[in-house]
Amino acid sequence: MKRKSKRKRKKGTIKYHLGKFGKRVLPHSVYAYGRTVYGGNPIIQQTLPGWFAYLSPFTIIPLFFLLMIPFVVVGVMIILTSQKVYVVEHNYSHIHQYQYAPKDPSVNINQGIRTFTVDGVSYPQGTKTWMQFEVKEKMKAPVYFYYTLDHFFQNLRDFHDGRNMQQLKGDAKIGSTRLCRPFQYPEDFDDDTAEQKFVKITKPDGTVLVRSYKEMIYNPCGLAAWSKFNDTLRLYKVASPEDYAADPSAYVMGGVSGTVPLELICDGGDFDATGEPIAPAPGQRCHKKGVGMKADLKVRYRPITPREDWWSLRYPYPTDNEFLNQGFYNNEAGHSMPDLMDVDLHVWMRSSLLNQFKKLYRVIDVDLQPGTYMLQVDEFFDTVSFRGKKGFALRCKWWVGENNTALGILYLALGACCLILGVAFGIEFCLQKKGMNRLSTMKEPRRSWYLHDPQSPQMEAYFNRRLHRHIPFAELNALRALEQDSEEED
């Protein structure tokens, strides 16, 4: 008896506190909302209903037609504007067909504009190429100066993976450089069967270290950095006879014959790695800063930490290897190692999706007036060996980019899809209103569809509870009273 009384008191206490809590915090209407024949409410039973967006045809059909309008308007604007974008683009690789190691000197011309001497051997490299072209329309500043490449596959895995991200960040511990092959060690394509080679390193205290090529690593390593575009582009405007006669000192003589008066617009080689002018030439009207992305300068790349086992552009100690002393790749005279802080390297390392692409080289700060222009190129980048092409491009700043007709067609296609869906849903809605409503044609559910015995008392109770589950208690009591009245009358 004592145990029963304790249990009753405990139960009453809990009920009292729960009722008191409900009255204090929640209104009675909220507490009683959704009470079912099972007792409690959705909060206590943890059976709160989910939210569903029941979209009606009066909302969906007009929405598709409204979406069609901006897609069609923007698509037409892009197509019409793309036709007005003026772009100057030419190739120059066919003029001299430059190769790093010419196979046919009569075709692949190497003028040797730069000569590199290594171990007493002279290596002439490079070809000076002049190209004349016309600018027919005024190009307003800023004018973007690009170099273009065709049939160069940056989208291949070997190019995209041919780098070490920790090394590019300037970390001392770079982990594995296996992905950098075949430009991992300063040997000919990492040939294990080749004769072992060594480098003698002299430190400031006079200590001489001997390291094998296998103990040294290119920094930066990999195919991506090794294949960096290294042609130098200079843009000139051909002066008219009247302008040249008025001020001959403002022009330089150049061109194929060397007697054409030229006005310098942009000397692409007159900048250091960070974009600062080295020796500003008179008339320099372009800049290099801002060509790359801020994330590259602040996050992805850091200056090289000098180490004796890193074959890099600025090796900290004198050695007996002239290629290393001058910052060249091994056995590649004139092919300099890239600087990790060079903006041109950052632009190059961002892989292109297609094998025909252009990358930003410089930004011209003045308007280009219609007239004759000359492009001077110091060629060091070999495209003939892989049957590629290289050139340049000039374009202005437009909101649509340039000739982007494909984007306009895509917008028109999306607008057409919205129109088709809107019409299709409209026809379906009209057919439903004419008597083809699915609710009137679908069969009513039967008890025989369930796995339980349809005649069992459990199934009968289940159906009754499903019927009264969401009926408020006031209405449920009224229904029960009517049922009782009908039973008494019977």
Protein backbone atom coordinates (compact mmCIF):
# COMPACT_ATOMS: atom_id res chain seq x y z
CA MET A 1 0.00 0.00 0.00
CA LYS A 2 2.82 2.40 0.76
CA ARG A 3 4.43 1.71 -2.59
CA LYS A 4 1.16 2.49 -4.36
CA SER A 5 0.73 5.78 -2.56
CA LYS A 6 4.26 6.83 -3.41
CA ARG A 7 3.72 5.99 -7.02
CA LYS A 8 0.51 8.01 -7.14
CA ARG A 9 2.13 11.01 -5.52
CA LYS A 10 5.07 10.84 -7.91
CA LYS A 11 2.81 10.60 -10.94
CA GLY A 12 0.69 13.49 -9.79
CA THR A 13 3.78 15.61 -9.21
CA ILE A 14 5.02 15.03 -12.77
CA LYS A 15 1.60 15.77 -14.21
CA TYR A 16 1.35 18.93 -12.10
CA HIS A 17 4.73 20.27 -13.21
CA LEU A 18 4.06 19.42 -16.85
CA GLY A 19 0.70 21.18 -16.73
CA LYS A 20 2.19 24.10 -14.92
CA PHE A 21 5.02 24.32 -17.48
CA GLY A 22 2.51 24.20 -20.34
CA LYS A 23 0.34 26.91 -18.88
CA ARG A 24 3.24 29.19 -18.10
CA VAL A 25 5.20 28.98 -21.36
CA LEU A 26 2.76 27.92 -24.11
CA PRO A 27 -0.78 29.14 -24.73
CA HIS A 28 -3.46 26.53 -24.31
CA SER A 29 -4.31 26.69 -28.03
CA VAL A 30 -0.72 25.78 -28.94
CA TYR A 31 -0.60 23.00 -26.37
CA ALA A 32 -3.86 21.49 -27.56
CA TYR A 33 -3.15 21.97 -31.28
CA GLY A 34 -3.16 18.75 -33.26
CA ARG A 35 -4.20 16.47 -30.41
CA THR A 36 -5.21 13.08 -31.72
CA VAL A 37 -6.96 10.02 -30.42
CA TYR A 38 -3.52 8.68 -29.53
CA GLY A 39 -3.15 11.39 -26.85
CA GLY A 40 -0.67 14.21 -26.50
CA ASN A 41 0.21 16.66 -29.28
CA PRO A 42 2.72 16.65 -32.17
CA ILE A 43 5.44 18.17 -29.98
CA ILE A 44 5.11 15.46 -27.33
CA GLN A 45 4.61 12.68 -29.86
CA GLN A 46 7.42 14.05 -32.11
CA THR A 47 5.14 13.79 -35.11
CA LEU A 48 5.29 17.35 -36.43
CA PRO A 49 4.14 17.48 -40.07
CA GLY A 50 6.72 18.14 -42.79
CA TRP A 51 6.43 21.18 -45.08
CA PHE A 52 5.52 20.47 -48.68
CA ALA A 53 5.22 22.96 -51.53
CA TYR A 54 2.05 22.04 -53.36
CA LEU A 55 2.57 24.06 -56.54
CA SER A 56 -0.55 24.72 -58.52
CA PRO A 57 -0.78 25.04 -62.32
CA PHE A 58 -1.69 28.72 -61.88
CA THR A 59 1.81 29.25 -60.44
CA ILE A 60 3.98 26.91 -62.53
CA ILE A 61 2.67 27.69 -66.02
CA PRO A 62 3.08 31.51 -65.79
CA LEU A 63 6.49 31.00 -64.16
CA PHE A 64 7.83 29.16 -67.22
CA PHE A 65 6.60 31.91 -69.53
CA LEU A 66 8.16 34.58 -67.30
CA LEU A 67 11.52 32.74 -67.29
CA MET A 68 11.40 32.49 -71.08
CA ILE A 69 11.48 36.29 -71.51
CA PRO A 70 14.89 37.07 -69.86
CA PHE A 71 16.55 34.04 -71.46
CA VAL A 72 15.46 35.07 -74.94
CA VAL A 73 16.26 38.77 -74.42
CA VAL A 74 19.76 38.10 -73.00
CA GLY A 75 20.49 35.52 -75.71
CA VAL A 76 19.58 37.94 -78.50
CA MET A 77 21.66 40.71 -76.87
CA ILE A 78 24.72 38.44 -76.58
CA ILE A 79 24.48 37.35 -80.22
CA LEU A 80 24.05 40.89 -81.52
CA THR A 81 26.81 42.31 -79.29
CA SER A 82 29.23 39.51 -80.15
CA GLN A 83 29.12 40.55 -83.79
CA LYS A 84 30.31 44.03 -82.83
CA VAL A 85 33.33 42.94 -80.77
CA TYR A 86 36.47 43.74 -82.74
CA VAL A 87 39.37 41.34 -82.20
CA VAL A 88 42.75 41.39 -83.96
CA GLU A 89 44.32 37.93 -84.09
CA HIS A 90 47.20 36.57 -86.19
CA ASN A 91 49.70 33.70 -86.21
CA TYR A 92 53.43 34.24 -86.68
CA SER A 93 54.87 30.72 -86.20
CA HIS A 94 54.80 30.05 -89.96
CA ILE A 95 57.16 32.93 -90.84
CA HIS A 96 60.46 31.39 -89.67
CA GLN A 97 59.22 28.06 -88.29
CA TYR A 98 61.57 28.39 -85.33
CA GLN A 99 62.87 25.26 -83.59
CA TYR A 100 65.07 25.00 -80.50
CA ALA A 101 67.26 22.51 -82.37
CA PRO A 102 66.55 23.07 -86.12
CA LYS A 103 66.24 19.87 -88.10
CA ASP A 104 66.31 21.70 -91.44
CA PRO A 105 68.21 25.04 -91.19
CA SER A 106 66.91 26.12 -94.59
CA VAL A 107 63.33 26.03 -93.25
CA ASN A 108 63.67 26.29 -89.46
CA ILE A 109 65.55 29.55 -89.16
CA ASN A 110 67.59 30.17 -86.00
CA GLN A 111 69.15 33.62 -86.25
CA GLY A 112 70.88 33.31 -82.90
CA ILE A 113 69.70 36.62 -81.48
CA ARG A 114 71.04 35.45 -78.12
CA THR A 115 74.20 33.43 -77.58
CA PHE A 116 74.85 31.39 -74.46
CA THR A 117 78.33 30.08 -73.73
CA VAL A 118 78.59 26.98 -71.56
CA ASP A 119 81.91 25.18 -70.95
CA GLY A 120 83.49 27.01 -73.86
CA VAL A 121 80.74 25.99 -76.28
CA SER A 122 78.57 28.70 -77.84
CA TYR A 123 74.84 28.02 -78.19
CA PRO A 124 73.02 30.56 -80.41
CA GLN A 125 69.28 30.56 -79.76
CA GLY A 126 66.23 32.48 -80.89
CA THR A 127 64.85 34.16 -83.98
CA LYS A 128 63.69 37.75 -84.44
CA THR A 129 60.41 37.84 -86.31
CA TRP A 130 58.59 40.92 -87.64
CA MET A 131 54.91 40.86 -88.55
CA GLN A 132 52.86 43.71 -90.03
CA PHE A 133 49.09 43.94 -89.55
CA GLU A 134 46.24 46.43 -89.72
CA VAL A 135 43.92 47.73 -87.01
CA LYS A 136 40.76 48.82 -88.82
CA GLU A 137 38.71 50.10 -85.87
CA LYS A 138 39.53 52.16 -82.83
CA MET A 139 40.23 49.98 -79.81
CA LYS A 140 39.56 51.76 -76.53
CA ALA A 141 41.80 51.27 -73.51
CA PRO A 142 42.35 49.01 -71.73
CA VAL A 143 43.37 46.79 -74.63
CA TYR A 144 44.21 43.22 -73.65
CA PHE A 145 47.33 41.77 -75.27
CA TYR A 146 47.32 37.95 -75.50
CA TYR A 147 49.56 35.22 -76.85
CA THR A 148 47.78 32.30 -78.49
CA LEU A 149 48.64 28.63 -78.89
CA ASP A 150 47.05 25.96 -81.04
CA HIS A 151 47.41 22.18 -80.69
CA PHE A 152 48.95 22.48 -77.22
CA PHE A 153 47.21 20.14 -74.77
CA GLN A 154 47.27 21.65 -71.30
CA ASN A 155 44.22 19.60 -70.43
CA LEU A 156 46.17 16.33 -70.35
CA ARG A 157 46.85 14.74 -66.97
CA ASP A 158 50.62 14.83 -67.52
CA PHE A 159 50.55 18.62 -67.75
CA HIS A 160 48.04 19.24 -64.97
CA ASP A 161 49.75 16.87 -62.51
CA GLY A 162 53.29 17.78 -63.58
CA ARG A 163 53.99 20.02 -60.57
CA ASN A 164 54.47 19.89 -56.81
CA MET A 165 52.11 22.25 -54.99
CA GLN A 166 54.15 22.27 -51.76
CA GLN A 167 57.24 23.24 -53.76
CA LEU A 168 55.36 26.07 -55.47
CA LYS A 169 54.38 27.40 -52.04
CA GLY A 170 58.06 27.62 -51.07
CA ASP A 171 57.89 24.89 -48.42
CA ALA A 172 61.15 23.26 -47.34
CA LYS A 173 59.48 19.83 -47.06
CA ILE A 174 57.90 19.03 -50.40
CA GLY A 175 57.28 15.30 -50.01
CA SER A 176 57.20 13.16 -53.11
CA THR A 177 58.09 14.64 -56.52
CA ARG A 178 57.17 11.50 -58.45
CA LEU A 179 54.55 13.37 -60.49
CA CYS A 180 57.26 15.74 -61.77
CA ARG A 181 58.78 13.09 -64.04
CA PRO A 182 60.41 13.31 -66.55
CA PHE A 183 61.58 16.73 -65.26
CA GLN A 184 62.28 15.71 -61.71
CA TYR A 185 66.07 15.41 -61.63
CA PRO A 186 68.62 17.30 -63.80
CA GLU A 187 69.18 14.31 -66.05
CA ASP A 188 67.95 13.49 -69.52
CA PHE A 189 64.37 12.43 -68.78
CA ASP A 190 65.31 10.67 -65.54
CA ASP A 191 67.21 7.87 -67.31
CA ASP A 192 68.33 5.37 -64.68
CA THR A 193 70.66 3.62 -67.14
CA ALA A 194 72.69 6.77 -67.88
CA GLU A 195 76.16 7.29 -66.45
CA GLN A 196 76.09 8.79 -62.97
CA LYS A 197 76.86 12.52 -63.03
CA PHE A 198 77.93 14.82 -60.23
CA VAL A 199 78.01 18.52 -59.35
CA LYS A 200 80.74 20.12 -57.23
CA ILE A 201 79.40 22.83 -54.94
CA THR A 202 81.68 25.37 -53.24
CA LYS A 203 80.31 26.95 -50.07
CA PRO A 204 81.38 30.37 -48.72
CA ASP A 205 83.62 28.74 -46.06
CA GLY A 206 85.51 26.85 -48.77
CA THR A 207 83.84 23.51 -48.18
CA VAL A 208 83.35 21.50 -51.37
CA LEU A 209 80.33 19.23 -51.61
CA VAL A 210 79.77 16.64 -54.31
CA ARG A 211 76.19 15.79 -55.18
CA SER A 212 74.93 13.46 -57.84
CA TYR A 213 72.20 14.55 -60.22
CA LYS A 214 69.90 12.05 -58.47
CA GLU A 215 70.30 13.99 -55.24
CA MET A 216 69.19 17.27 -56.79
CA ILE A 217 65.65 18.29 -57.73
CA TYR A 218 64.42 20.89 -60.18
CA ASN A 219 62.66 23.79 -58.49
CA PRO A 220 60.05 24.20 -59.86
CA CYS A 221 59.87 20.65 -61.16
CA GLY A 222 57.51 19.08 -63.64
CA LEU A 223 56.29 19.43 -67.19
CA ALA A 224 54.04 22.45 -66.51
CA ALA A 225 56.89 24.75 -65.47
CA TRP A 226 59.34 23.32 -68.04
CA SER A 227 57.01 24.12 -70.98
CA LYS A 228 56.36 27.75 -70.01
CA PHE A 229 55.82 30.11 -72.96
CA ASN A 230 58.92 32.32 -73.26
CA ASP A 231 58.57 34.36 -76.46
CA THR A 232 59.02 38.14 -76.03
CA LEU A 233 56.46 40.35 -77.79
CA ARG A 234 56.83 44.05 -78.66
CA LEU A 235 54.09 46.09 -80.27
CA TYR A 236 54.79 49.18 -82.43
CA LYS A 237 52.66 51.55 -84.48
CA VAL A 238 53.96 52.56 -87.89
CA ALA A 239 54.30 56.34 -87.98
CA SER A 240 52.83 58.33 -90.81
CA PRO A 241 55.27 60.42 -92.92
CA GLU A 242 53.78 63.63 -91.48
CA ASP A 243 54.24 62.54 -87.84
CA TYR A 244 57.77 61.30 -88.46
CA ALA A 245 58.76 64.53 -90.21
CA ALA A 246 57.40 66.57 -87.29
CA ASP A 247 59.40 64.74 -84.57
CA PRO A 248 61.86 62.07 -85.81
CA SER A 249 63.36 61.57 -82.31
CA ALA A 250 60.09 60.07 -81.00
CA TYR A 251 60.40 57.03 -83.24
CA VAL A 252 62.74 54.09 -83.72
CA MET A 253 63.66 52.48 -87.01
CA GLY A 254 62.70 48.84 -87.34
CA GLY A 255 60.84 46.31 -89.41
CA VAL A 256 62.21 43.71 -91.78
CA SER A 257 64.22 46.31 -93.69
CA GLY A 258 65.08 48.29 -90.55
CA THR A 259 64.02 51.60 -92.12
CA VAL A 260 60.39 51.88 -90.94
CA PRO A 261 59.69 54.62 -88.34
CA LEU A 262 57.96 52.95 -85.39
CA GLU A 263 56.25 54.28 -82.26
CA LEU A 264 56.58 51.95 -79.26
CA ILE A 265 53.31 50.87 -77.70
CA CYS A 266 54.28 47.92 -75.50
CA ASP A 267 57.59 46.19 -74.79
CA GLY A 268 56.57 42.93 -73.11
CA GLY A 269 60.10 42.05 -72.04
CA ASP A 270 60.71 45.26 -70.09
CA PHE A 271 59.35 43.91 -66.78
CA ASP A 272 60.76 41.84 -63.96
CA ALA A 273 59.02 38.83 -62.40
CA THR A 274 56.82 40.93 -60.12
CA GLY A 275 55.73 43.29 -62.92
CA GLU A 276 57.97 46.25 -62.14
CA PRO A 277 59.64 47.96 -65.17
CA ILE A 278 63.33 47.07 -65.50
CA ALA A 279 64.48 49.94 -67.72
CA PRO A 280 61.36 51.78 -68.90
CA ALA A 281 61.68 52.43 -72.61
CA PRO A 282 60.44 55.76 -73.98
CA GLY A 283 56.81 55.39 -74.93
CA GLN A 284 56.12 52.31 -72.80
CA ARG A 285 52.30 52.23 -72.51
CA CYS A 286 51.44 48.87 -71.03
CA HIS A 287 51.74 47.12 -67.70
CA LYS A 288 52.25 43.62 -66.36
CA LYS A 289 50.87 43.99 -62.83
CA GLY A 290 47.37 42.62 -62.47
CA VAL A 291 47.78 40.12 -65.32
CA GLY A 292 47.62 37.21 -62.87
CA MET A 293 45.20 36.48 -60.05
CA LYS A 294 45.58 37.70 -56.48
CA ALA A 295 45.11 34.18 -55.14
CA ASP A 296 48.28 33.09 -57.01
CA LEU A 297 50.41 35.85 -55.47
CA LYS A 298 49.03 35.50 -51.95
CA VAL A 299 48.31 31.79 -51.61
CA ARG A 300 49.60 29.44 -54.31
CA TYR A 301 53.14 30.75 -54.91
CA ARG A 302 55.98 31.85 -52.63
CA PRO A 303 59.65 32.74 -53.26
CA ILE A 304 62.10 29.85 -53.47
CA THR A 305 63.96 28.97 -50.26
CA PRO A 306 67.62 28.52 -51.37
CA ARG A 307 68.89 24.99 -50.80
CA GLU A 308 71.93 23.17 -52.07
CA ASP A 309 69.89 20.23 -53.39
CA TRP A 310 67.48 22.38 -55.44
CA TRP A 311 68.43 23.09 -59.06
CA SER A 312 66.82 26.53 -59.44
CA LEU A 313 67.08 29.86 -61.24
CA ARG A 314 69.21 31.61 -58.59
CA TYR A 315 71.39 28.90 -57.12
CA PRO A 316 73.00 30.23 -53.91
CA TYR A 317 76.54 28.74 -54.40
CA PRO A 318 79.07 28.58 -57.26
CA THR A 319 79.40 25.17 -58.92
CA ASP A 320 81.34 23.52 -61.71
CA ASN A 321 78.17 23.24 -63.84
CA GLU A 322 77.60 26.31 -66.03
CA PHE A 323 73.99 25.35 -66.75
CA LEU A 324 73.25 25.50 -63.03
CA ASN A 325 75.28 28.69 -62.51
CA GLN A 326 73.29 30.50 -65.20
CA GLY A 327 69.95 29.11 -64.05
CA PHE A 328 69.32 26.92 -67.11
CA TYR A 329 67.76 23.50 -67.32
CA ASN A 330 70.50 20.88 -67.62
CA ASN A 331 71.87 20.61 -71.19
CA GLU A 332 69.38 23.28 -72.37
CA ALA A 333 71.33 26.47 -72.97
CA GLY A 334 69.12 29.54 -72.92
CA HIS A 335 66.16 27.69 -71.38
CA SER A 336 65.95 29.46 -68.03
CA MET A 337 64.31 28.00 -64.94
CA PRO A 338 61.09 29.86 -64.09
CA ASP A 339 60.81 32.27 -61.18
CA LEU A 340 58.03 31.20 -58.80
CA MET A 341 56.96 34.81 -58.33
CA ASP A 342 56.71 35.50 -62.06
CA VAL A 343 53.17 36.52 -63.00
CA ASP A 344 53.65 35.05 -66.47
CA LEU A 345 54.31 31.66 -64.84
CA HIS A 346 51.12 31.96 -62.80
CA VAL A 347 49.08 32.61 -65.93
CA TRP A 348 50.73 29.74 -67.75
CA MET A 349 50.20 27.22 -64.92
CA ARG A 350 46.42 27.67 -64.99
CA SER A 351 45.52 24.83 -67.34
CA SER A 352 43.34 25.53 -70.34
CA LEU A 353 40.37 23.29 -71.07
CA LEU A 354 40.85 23.25 -74.85
CA ASN A 355 43.96 22.66 -76.94
CA GLN A 356 43.45 26.03 -78.67
CA PHE A 357 43.66 28.88 -76.19
CA LYS A 358 45.02 32.33 -75.45
CA LYS A 359 46.54 33.69 -72.25
CA LEU A 360 46.83 37.28 -71.10
CA TYR A 361 50.31 38.70 -71.72
CA ARG A 362 50.09 42.45 -71.06
CA VAL A 363 47.47 45.21 -70.72
CA ILE A 364 47.82 48.28 -72.97
CA ASP A 365 46.84 51.56 -71.31
CA VAL A 366 46.18 53.71 -74.41
CA ASP A 367 43.68 53.60 -77.25
CA LEU A 368 44.85 51.90 -80.44
CA GLN A 369 43.91 54.12 -83.35
CA PRO A 370 43.22 52.63 -86.80
CA GLY A 371 46.40 52.20 -88.78
CA THR A 372 49.37 49.95 -89.51
CA TYR A 373 51.14 48.17 -86.64
CA MET A 374 54.24 46.00 -86.35
CA LEU A 375 54.84 43.13 -83.96
CA GLN A 376 58.40 42.21 -83.07
CA VAL A 377 58.84 38.73 -81.59
CA ASP A 378 61.94 37.22 -80.04
CA GLU A 379 61.10 33.57 -80.60
CA PHE A 380 62.37 30.97 -78.12
CA PHE A 381 59.27 28.79 -77.84
CA ASP A 382 59.25 25.83 -80.21
CA THR A 383 55.85 24.89 -81.68
CA VAL A 384 57.04 23.30 -84.93
CA SER A 385 58.22 20.15 -83.12
CA PHE A 386 54.67 19.24 -82.03
CA ARG A 387 52.94 20.70 -85.14
CA GLY A 388 51.42 23.57 -83.24
CA LYS A 389 50.84 27.23 -83.97
CA LYS A 390 51.42 30.39 -81.96
CA GLY A 391 50.34 33.97 -82.42
CA PHE A 392 48.88 36.99 -80.65
CA ALA A 393 45.52 38.66 -80.12
CA LEU A 394 44.27 42.15 -79.20
CA ARG A 395 40.79 42.89 -77.88
CA CYS A 396 38.94 45.55 -75.91
CA LYS A 397 36.91 45.23 -72.74
CA TRP A 398 33.33 44.14 -73.42
CA TRP A 399 30.69 42.85 -71.01
CA VAL A 400 30.16 39.80 -73.21
CA GLY A 401 33.89 39.04 -73.51
CA GLU A 402 34.34 38.67 -77.25
CA ASN A 403 32.68 36.69 -80.04
CA ASN A 404 30.57 34.58 -77.68
CA THR A 405 27.82 33.43 -80.03
CA ALA A 406 27.69 29.98 -78.43
CA LEU A 407 26.63 31.50 -75.10
CA GLY A 408 23.84 33.43 -76.81
CA ILE A 409 22.59 30.26 -78.52
CA LEU A 410 22.60 28.50 -75.14
CA TYR A 411 20.41 31.23 -73.64
CA LEU A 412 18.00 30.96 -76.57
CA ALA A 413 17.85 27.18 -76.09
CA LEU A 414 16.96 27.63 -72.42
CA GLY A 415 14.24 30.10 -73.38
CA ALA A 416 12.85 27.61 -75.91
CA CYS A 417 12.81 24.88 -73.24
CA CYS A 418 10.83 27.16 -70.90
CA LEU A 419 8.34 27.88 -73.69
CA ILE A 420 7.89 24.18 -74.49
CA LEU A 421 7.40 23.23 -70.84
CA GLY A 422 4.93 26.06 -70.29
CA VAL A 423 2.84 25.04 -73.32
CA ALA A 424 3.00 21.35 -72.38
CA PHE A 425 1.85 21.97 -68.82
CA GLY A 426 -0.90 24.30 -70.09
CA ILE A 427 -2.26 21.61 -72.44
CA GLU A 428 -2.13 19.03 -69.67
CA PHE A 429 -4.04 21.34 -67.32
CA CYS A 430 -6.75 21.97 -69.92
CA LEU A 431 -7.14 18.23 -70.50
CA GLN A 432 -7.45 17.64 -66.77
CA LYS A 433 -10.24 20.22 -66.50
CA LYS A 434 -12.22 18.49 -69.26
CA GLY A 435 -12.77 15.38 -67.19
CA MET A 436 -9.47 13.63 -67.43
CA ASN A 437 -8.65 14.40 -63.82
CA ARG A 438 -6.55 11.65 -62.39
CA LEU A 439 -8.44 11.69 -59.09
CA SER A 440 -11.70 10.80 -60.86
CA THR A 441 -10.13 8.03 -62.92
CA MET A 442 -8.05 6.40 -60.21
CA LYS A 443 -9.58 3.49 -58.34
CA GLU A 444 -10.32 3.86 -54.66
CA PRO A 445 -8.02 1.92 -52.34
CA ARG A 446 -9.32 -1.43 -51.15
CA ARG A 447 -8.70 -3.30 -47.99
CA SER A 448 -7.57 -6.30 -49.99
CA TRP A 449 -4.50 -4.32 -51.10
CA TYR A 450 -3.03 -4.55 -47.60
CA LEU A 451 -1.07 -7.51 -46.28
CA HIS A 452 -3.24 -7.77 -43.14
CA ASP A 453 -6.47 -9.69 -43.01
CA PRO A 454 -9.08 -7.15 -44.21
CA GLN A 455 -11.75 -8.72 -41.93
CA SER A 456 -9.68 -8.67 -38.76
CA PRO A 457 -10.57 -6.39 -35.84
CA GLN A 458 -7.08 -4.89 -36.00
CA MET A 459 -7.68 -3.68 -39.58
CA GLU A 460 -11.05 -2.23 -38.58
CA ALA A 461 -9.48 -0.36 -35.69
CA TYR A 462 -6.68 0.85 -37.97
CA PHE A 463 -9.14 2.33 -40.46
CA ASN A 464 -11.14 3.99 -37.71
CA ARG A 465 -8.05 5.60 -36.24
CA ARG A 466 -6.88 6.76 -39.66
CA LEU A 467 -10.29 8.33 -40.12
CA HIS A 468 -10.23 10.26 -36.86
CA ARG A 469 -6.51 10.96 -36.60
CA HIS A 470 -6.55 14.64 -37.59
CA ILE A 471 -10.09 15.51 -36.48
CA PRO A 472 -10.08 18.02 -33.57
CA PHE A 473 -11.45 16.68 -30.29
CA ALA A 474 -14.51 18.92 -30.34
CA GLU A 475 -15.62 17.65 -33.73
CA LEU A 476 -14.65 14.08 -32.80
CA ASN A 477 -16.79 14.20 -29.68
CA ALA A 478 -19.67 15.58 -31.73
CA LEU A 479 -19.33 12.69 -34.21
CA ARG A 480 -19.25 10.20 -31.40
CA ALA A 481 -22.36 11.78 -29.85
CA LEU A 482 -24.18 11.50 -33.19
CA GLU A 483 -23.16 7.86 -33.48
CA GLN A 484 -24.43 7.13 -29.98
CA ASP A 485 -27.72 8.91 -30.73
CA SER A 486 -28.19 6.90 -33.90
CA GLU A 487 -27.49 3.67 -32.05
CA GLU A 488 -30.03 4.54 -29.33
CA GLU A 489 -32.67 5.36 -31.94
CA ASP A 490 -32.05 2.01 -33.63
